[in-house]
Amino acid sequence: MQYSVELIEELAVLAMYNLANRQLGLKIHHEAEPSAIAAAQRLYKKGIITLPDGGYLTHLGIEAADHAQAVITILSS
């Protein structure tokens, strides 16, 4: 299985969310890297975040971010 750059960018956005406080959303400003802006828009279209520029994680997003952050933690050890 080959991993696309887009998938890695989406994982990077998911890693930005603070899972310890789910009331904290995320805002990706228009000055951000174009890749981060595009990744957020793709996550929104997939129903993982509530707004095309970040917002909050949906129920599916919480699960996805939890798994993404766990993988990053494990592989960074």
Protein backbone atom coordinates (compact mmCIF):
# COMPACT_ATOMS: atom_id res chain seq x y z
CA MET A 1 0.00 0.00 0.00
CA GLN A 2 1.35 3.39 -0.97
CA TYR A 3 0.67 6.45 1.17
CA SER A 4 -0.05 9.70 -0.61
CA VAL A 5 1.25 13.10 0.36
CA GLU A 6 -2.38 14.13 0.91
CA LEU A 7 -2.87 11.38 3.49
CA ILE A 8 0.25 12.45 5.39
CA GLU A 9 -0.96 16.08 5.33
CA GLU A 10 -4.34 15.04 6.72
CA LEU A 11 -2.62 13.08 9.50
CA ALA A 12 -0.57 16.17 10.32
CA VAL A 13 -3.74 18.25 10.72
CA LEU A 14 -5.31 15.57 12.93
CA ALA A 15 -2.17 15.60 15.06
CA MET A 16 -2.72 19.31 15.80
CA TYR A 17 -5.92 18.69 17.74
CA ASN A 18 -5.76 18.62 21.53
CA LEU A 19 -7.57 15.43 22.50
CA ALA A 20 -7.19 16.21 26.21
CA ASN A 21 -9.59 19.14 25.77
CA ARG A 22 -12.08 18.47 23.00
CA GLN A 23 -13.66 21.88 23.51
CA LEU A 24 -10.60 23.42 21.88
CA GLY A 25 -11.06 23.64 18.16
CA LEU A 26 -8.51 24.39 15.49
CA LYS A 27 -8.35 27.31 13.07
CA ILE A 28 -6.23 27.03 9.96
CA HIS A 29 -5.74 30.59 8.79
CA HIS A 30 -5.60 31.62 5.17
CA GLU A 31 -1.89 32.43 5.67
CA ALA A 32 -1.15 28.79 6.58
CA GLU A 33 0.66 26.46 4.24
CA PRO A 34 -1.55 25.67 1.24
CA SER A 35 -1.09 21.97 1.97
CA ALA A 36 -2.58 22.39 5.48
CA ILE A 37 -5.49 24.40 4.11
CA ALA A 38 -6.21 21.74 1.49
CA ALA A 39 -5.87 18.93 4.06
CA ALA A 40 -8.42 20.61 6.33
CA GLN A 41 -10.83 21.00 3.44
CA ARG A 42 -10.49 17.30 2.59
CA LEU A 43 -11.06 16.31 6.24
CA TYR A 44 -14.19 18.49 6.29
CA LYS A 45 -15.53 16.82 3.14
CA LYS A 46 -14.93 13.43 4.78
CA GLY A 47 -16.95 14.47 7.84
CA ILE A 48 -13.96 14.39 10.18
CA ILE A 49 -13.93 18.08 11.16
CA THR A 50 -16.81 20.54 11.43
CA LEU A 51 -15.49 23.40 9.27
CA PRO A 52 -13.42 23.55 6.09
CA ASP A 53 -10.78 25.59 7.95
CA GLY A 54 -10.68 23.45 11.08
CA GLY A 55 -13.35 23.82 13.71
CA TYR A 56 -13.96 20.86 15.97
CA LEU A 57 -13.56 17.15 15.52
CA THR A 58 -16.72 15.20 14.76
CA HIS A 59 -17.32 11.86 16.51
CA LEU A 60 -15.55 10.17 13.60
CA GLY A 61 -12.82 12.81 13.80
CA ILE A 62 -12.19 12.14 17.48
CA GLU A 63 -11.64 8.49 16.71
CA ALA A 64 -9.43 9.29 13.70
CA ALA A 65 -7.34 11.83 15.62
CA ASP A 66 -6.97 9.45 18.54
CA HIS A 67 -5.64 6.70 16.28
CA ALA A 68 -3.45 9.10 14.28
CA GLN A 69 -1.89 10.58 17.41
CA ALA A 70 -1.35 7.11 18.90
CA VAL A 71 0.50 5.95 15.78
CA ILE A 72 2.65 9.09 15.79
CA THR A 73 3.48 8.57 19.48
CA ILE A 74 4.34 4.90 18.99
CA LEU A 75 6.52 5.50 15.95
CA SER A 76 8.26 8.50 17.54
CA SER A 77 9.39 6.45 20.56
